[in-house]
Amino acid sequence: MSFLIRNLVRQVVRKVANDPATREKALHVARNVADEAKQIAKQEDRAYAAGQALRRALNKSRDGK
């Protein structure tokens, strides 16, 4: 399993390193992930907050926004 993840990460890093538009998207995604992590850390029930964050991410991916 770690072999697949390692190869996936390697491919993403290569793509980000070579393409400025992808680099901007990766930066935007990283900032959003950091913001979500901060929100989860602030909540009393972190498991519930993580579920809400996952639901928001799934809804965004379906809507294409």
Protein backbone atom coordinates (compact mmCIF):
# COMPACT_ATOMS: atom_id res chain seq x y z
CA MET A 1 0.00 0.00 0.00
CA SER A 2 2.76 2.44 0.86
CA PHE A 3 4.36 1.70 -2.51
CA LEU A 4 1.24 2.96 -4.30
CA ILE A 5 0.99 6.05 -2.14
CA ARG A 6 4.68 6.79 -2.62
CA ASN A 7 4.34 6.55 -6.41
CA LEU A 8 1.24 8.72 -6.39
CA VAL A 9 2.98 11.38 -4.32
CA ARG A 10 6.02 11.24 -6.60
CA GLN A 11 3.85 11.81 -9.69
CA VAL A 12 2.01 14.71 -8.06
CA VAL A 13 5.27 16.35 -7.01
CA ARG A 14 6.66 16.05 -10.54
CA LYS A 15 3.51 17.55 -12.03
CA VAL A 16 3.52 20.43 -9.55
CA ALA A 17 7.21 21.10 -10.14
CA ASN A 18 6.79 21.30 -13.92
CA ASP A 19 3.51 23.17 -14.34
CA PRO A 20 2.95 26.66 -12.88
CA ALA A 21 -0.85 26.39 -13.12
CA THR A 22 -0.81 23.10 -11.22
CA ARG A 23 1.52 24.67 -8.69
CA GLU A 24 -1.04 27.41 -8.01
CA LYS A 25 -3.82 24.85 -7.62
CA ALA A 26 -1.69 22.77 -5.24
CA LEU A 27 -0.96 25.86 -3.16
CA HIS A 28 -4.67 26.69 -3.00
CA VAL A 29 -5.53 23.13 -1.96
CA ALA A 30 -2.80 23.09 0.70
CA ARG A 31 -4.11 26.33 2.19
CA ASN A 32 -7.66 24.98 2.26
CA VAL A 33 -6.50 21.80 3.96
CA ALA A 34 -4.64 23.84 6.58
CA ASP A 35 -7.75 25.94 7.22
CA GLU A 36 -9.90 22.82 7.62
CA ALA A 37 -7.34 21.32 10.00
CA LYS A 38 -7.46 24.46 12.13
CA GLN A 39 -11.25 24.28 12.26
CA ILE A 40 -11.15 20.61 13.25
CA ALA A 41 -8.60 21.28 15.98
CA LYS A 42 -10.79 24.01 17.51
CA GLN A 43 -13.87 21.80 17.81
CA GLU A 44 -14.82 19.90 20.93
CA ASP A 45 -15.83 16.79 18.97
CA ARG A 46 -13.00 16.43 16.47
CA ALA A 47 -14.34 13.27 14.83
CA TYR A 48 -17.63 15.02 14.03
CA ALA A 49 -15.76 18.08 12.73
CA ALA A 50 -13.57 15.88 10.53
CA GLY A 51 -16.68 14.22 9.11
CA GLN A 52 -18.17 17.62 8.32
CA ALA A 53 -14.95 18.70 6.61
CA LEU A 54 -14.94 15.53 4.53
CA ARG A 55 -18.57 16.09 3.56
CA ARG A 56 -17.79 19.68 2.49
CA ALA A 57 -14.87 18.44 0.38
CA LEU A 58 -17.01 15.76 -1.28
CA ASN A 59 -19.77 18.24 -2.03
CA LYS A 60 -17.26 20.67 -3.54
CA SER A 61 -15.76 17.93 -5.73
CA ARG A 62 -19.22 16.91 -6.99
CA ASP A 63 -20.29 20.49 -7.70
CA GLY A 64 -17.00 21.26 -9.43
CA LYS A 65 -16.37 24.44 -7.45
